[in-house]
């Protein structure tokens, strides 16, 4: 079992933005393998194609009352920023994560 910390970032087209963090417990049936040193670009890329993980994130967002705002005006993205006791560095450049969970996946 692993615990993932997921950052949910929502941005409005006129500049408004807000962030939320959720923690989800992920079993080995969803994510296999150990993480000695987390490759943040790879784990976020892998998350995009993992429907079970995306469903866990969506469920936890609903439990915490985090909404995906109107996609006409807002973009919402989810990033895995923590695995167990390891967290993404504060100076990490999120633009290096090209493959991420996006609005359409979270609706």
C-alpha atoms as a PDB file:
ATOM      1  CA  UNK A   1       0.000   0.000   0.000  1.00  0.00           C
ATOM      2  CA  UNK A   2       1.249   3.454  -0.911  1.00  0.00           C
ATOM      3  CA  UNK A   3      -0.052   6.869   0.023  1.00  0.00           C
ATOM      4  CA  UNK A   4      -0.128   9.432  -2.766  1.00  0.00           C
ATOM      5  CA  UNK A   5      -0.499  13.155  -2.235  1.00  0.00           C
ATOM      6  CA  UNK A   6      -2.288  14.716  -5.183  1.00  0.00           C
ATOM      7  CA  UNK A   7      -2.260  18.426  -5.967  1.00  0.00           C
ATOM      8  CA  UNK A   8      -5.412  19.651  -7.730  1.00  0.00           C
ATOM      9  CA  UNK A   9      -4.785  22.954  -9.535  1.00  0.00           C
ATOM     10  CA  UNK A  10      -7.628  24.950 -11.104  1.00  0.00           C
ATOM     11  CA  UNK A  11      -6.999  28.013 -13.255  1.00  0.00           C
ATOM     12  CA  UNK A  12      -9.584  30.405 -14.694  1.00  0.00           C
ATOM     13  CA  UNK A  13      -8.974  31.972 -18.084  1.00  0.00           C
ATOM     14  CA  UNK A  14      -8.916  35.462 -16.521  1.00  0.00           C
ATOM     15  CA  UNK A  15      -6.185  34.566 -14.020  1.00  0.00           C
ATOM     16  CA  UNK A  16      -8.022  33.325 -10.922  1.00  0.00           C
ATOM     17  CA  UNK A  17      -6.565  30.132  -9.491  1.00  0.00           C
ATOM     18  CA  UNK A  18      -6.848  27.817  -6.527  1.00  0.00           C
ATOM     19  CA  UNK A  19      -5.193  24.633  -5.298  1.00  0.00           C
ATOM     20  CA  UNK A  20      -6.230  21.704  -3.125  1.00  0.00           C
ATOM     21  CA  UNK A  21      -4.330  18.672  -1.894  1.00  0.00           C
ATOM     22  CA  UNK A  22      -5.752  15.250  -1.205  1.00  0.00           C
ATOM     23  CA  UNK A  23      -4.183  12.050   0.049  1.00  0.00           C
ATOM     24  CA  UNK A  24      -5.202   8.680  -1.326  1.00  0.00           C
ATOM     25  CA  UNK A  25      -4.159   5.207  -0.292  1.00  0.00           C
ATOM     26  CA  UNK A  26      -3.313   3.111  -3.312  1.00  0.00           C
ATOM     27  CA  UNK A  27      -3.082  -0.659  -3.181  1.00  0.00           C
ATOM     28  CA  UNK A  28      -0.651  -2.810  -5.151  1.00  0.00           C
ATOM     29  CA  UNK A  29      -3.481  -3.796  -7.498  1.00  0.00           C
ATOM     30  CA  UNK A  30      -3.548  -0.182  -8.735  1.00  0.00           C
ATOM     31  CA  UNK A  31       0.187   0.694  -8.693  1.00  0.00           C
ATOM     32  CA  UNK A  32       2.858  -1.990  -8.640  1.00  0.00           C
ATOM     33  CA  UNK A  33       6.476  -1.616  -7.659  1.00  0.00           C
ATOM     34  CA  UNK A  34       8.526   0.242  -5.126  1.00  0.00           C
ATOM     35  CA  UNK A  35       9.683   3.828  -5.300  1.00  0.00           C
ATOM     36  CA  UNK A  36      13.215   4.400  -4.034  1.00  0.00           C
ATOM     37  CA  UNK A  37      13.712   7.705  -5.827  1.00  0.00           C
ATOM     38  CA  UNK A  38      10.577   9.121  -7.346  1.00  0.00           C
ATOM     39  CA  UNK A  39      10.742  10.147 -10.993  1.00  0.00           C
ATOM     40  CA  UNK A  40       8.001  12.789 -10.812  1.00  0.00           C
ATOM     41  CA  UNK A  41       7.663  13.144 -14.583  1.00  0.00           C
ATOM     42  CA  UNK A  42       7.307   9.384 -15.063  1.00  0.00           C
ATOM     43  CA  UNK A  43       4.876   8.749 -12.217  1.00  0.00           C
ATOM     44  CA  UNK A  44       2.620  11.583 -13.395  1.00  0.00           C
ATOM     45  CA  UNK A  45       2.818  10.292 -16.970  1.00  0.00           C
ATOM     46  CA  UNK A  46       1.940   6.769 -15.845  1.00  0.00           C
ATOM     47  CA  UNK A  47      -0.995   8.106 -13.815  1.00  0.00           C
ATOM     48  CA  UNK A  48      -2.614   9.474 -16.987  1.00  0.00           C
ATOM     49  CA  UNK A  49      -3.174   5.984 -18.355  1.00  0.00           C
ATOM     50  CA  UNK A  50      -4.221   4.375 -15.063  1.00  0.00           C
ATOM     51  CA  UNK A  51      -8.034   4.477 -14.981  1.00  0.00           C
ATOM     52  CA  UNK A  52      -8.189   2.923 -11.492  1.00  0.00           C
ATOM     53  CA  UNK A  53      -5.947   5.631 -10.054  1.00  0.00           C
ATOM     54  CA  UNK A  54      -7.915   8.393 -11.790  1.00  0.00           C
ATOM     55  CA  UNK A  55     -11.150   6.970 -10.350  1.00  0.00           C
ATOM     56  CA  UNK A  56      -9.616   6.954  -6.846  1.00  0.00           C
ATOM     57  CA  UNK A  57      -8.612  10.606  -7.289  1.00  0.00           C
ATOM     58  CA  UNK A  58     -12.096  11.560  -8.543  1.00  0.00           C
ATOM     59  CA  UNK A  59     -13.740   9.762  -5.618  1.00  0.00           C
ATOM     60  CA  UNK A  60     -11.506  11.504  -3.075  1.00  0.00           C
ATOM     61  CA  UNK A  61     -12.190  14.858  -4.754  1.00  0.00           C
ATOM     62  CA  UNK A  62     -15.931  14.263  -4.332  1.00  0.00           C
ATOM     63  CA  UNK A  63     -15.481  13.240  -0.688  1.00  0.00           C
ATOM     64  CA  UNK A  64     -13.549  16.469  -0.063  1.00  0.00           C
ATOM     65  CA  UNK A  65     -15.990  18.653  -2.018  1.00  0.00           C
ATOM     66  CA  UNK A  66     -13.456  19.602  -4.696  1.00  0.00           C
ATOM     67  CA  UNK A  67     -15.292  20.455  -7.887  1.00  0.00           C
ATOM     68  CA  UNK A  68     -14.092  20.513 -11.456  1.00  0.00           C
ATOM     69  CA  UNK A  69     -15.260  23.935 -12.551  1.00  0.00           C
ATOM     70  CA  UNK A  70     -16.825  24.747 -15.929  1.00  0.00           C
ATOM     71  CA  UNK A  71     -14.291  23.543 -18.535  1.00  0.00           C
ATOM     72  CA  UNK A  72     -15.293  26.426 -20.827  1.00  0.00           C
ATOM     73  CA  UNK A  73     -13.526  28.829 -18.455  1.00  0.00           C
ATOM     74  CA  UNK A  74     -11.413  26.697 -16.104  1.00  0.00           C
ATOM     75  CA  UNK A  75      -8.644  24.155 -16.536  1.00  0.00           C
ATOM     76  CA  UNK A  76      -8.168  21.658 -13.738  1.00  0.00           C
ATOM     77  CA  UNK A  77      -5.125  19.428 -13.498  1.00  0.00           C
ATOM     78  CA  UNK A  78      -3.987  16.829 -10.994  1.00  0.00           C
ATOM     79  CA  UNK A  79      -0.346  16.151 -10.151  1.00  0.00           C
ATOM     80  CA  UNK A  80       1.078  13.463  -7.914  1.00  0.00           C
ATOM     81  CA  UNK A  81       3.336  15.457  -5.574  1.00  0.00           C
ATOM     82  CA  UNK A  82       3.968  12.914  -2.834  1.00  0.00           C
ATOM     83  CA  UNK A  83       4.578   9.188  -2.536  1.00  0.00           C
ATOM     84  CA  UNK A  84       4.605   7.850   1.001  1.00  0.00           C
ATOM     85  CA  UNK A  85       7.129  10.050   2.848  1.00  0.00           C
ATOM     86  CA  UNK A  86       8.748  11.598  -0.226  1.00  0.00           C
ATOM     87  CA  UNK A  87       7.486  14.939  -1.559  1.00  0.00           C
ATOM     88  CA  UNK A  88       8.147  16.793  -4.782  1.00  0.00           C
ATOM     89  CA  UNK A  89      10.844  19.468  -4.278  1.00  0.00           C
ATOM     90  CA  UNK A  90       9.554  23.003  -3.694  1.00  0.00           C
ATOM     91  CA  UNK A  91      11.546  24.313  -6.663  1.00  0.00           C
ATOM     92  CA  UNK A  92      10.295  21.601  -9.043  1.00  0.00           C
ATOM     93  CA  UNK A  93       9.306  22.934 -12.480  1.00  0.00           C
ATOM     94  CA  UNK A  94       5.775  21.617 -13.111  1.00  0.00           C
ATOM     95  CA  UNK A  95       6.107  22.472 -16.800  1.00  0.00           C
ATOM     96  CA  UNK A  96       8.413  19.460 -17.137  1.00  0.00           C
ATOM     97  CA  UNK A  97       5.378  17.246 -16.477  1.00  0.00           C
ATOM     98  CA  UNK A  98       3.856  17.167 -19.954  1.00  0.00           C
ATOM     99  CA  UNK A  99       1.532  14.213 -19.321  1.00  0.00           C
ATOM    100  CA  UNK A 100      -0.803  14.959 -16.431  1.00  0.00           C
ATOM    101  CA  UNK A 101      -4.366  14.254 -15.415  1.00  0.00           C
ATOM    102  CA  UNK A 102      -6.486  16.990 -16.966  1.00  0.00           C
ATOM    103  CA  UNK A 103     -10.009  18.432 -16.762  1.00  0.00           C
ATOM    104  CA  UNK A 104     -11.588  15.835 -19.051  1.00  0.00           C
ATOM    105  CA  UNK A 105     -10.208  12.954 -16.970  1.00  0.00           C
ATOM    106  CA  UNK A 106     -11.557  14.444 -13.741  1.00  0.00           C
ATOM    107  CA  UNK A 107     -15.156  15.058 -14.897  1.00  0.00           C
END
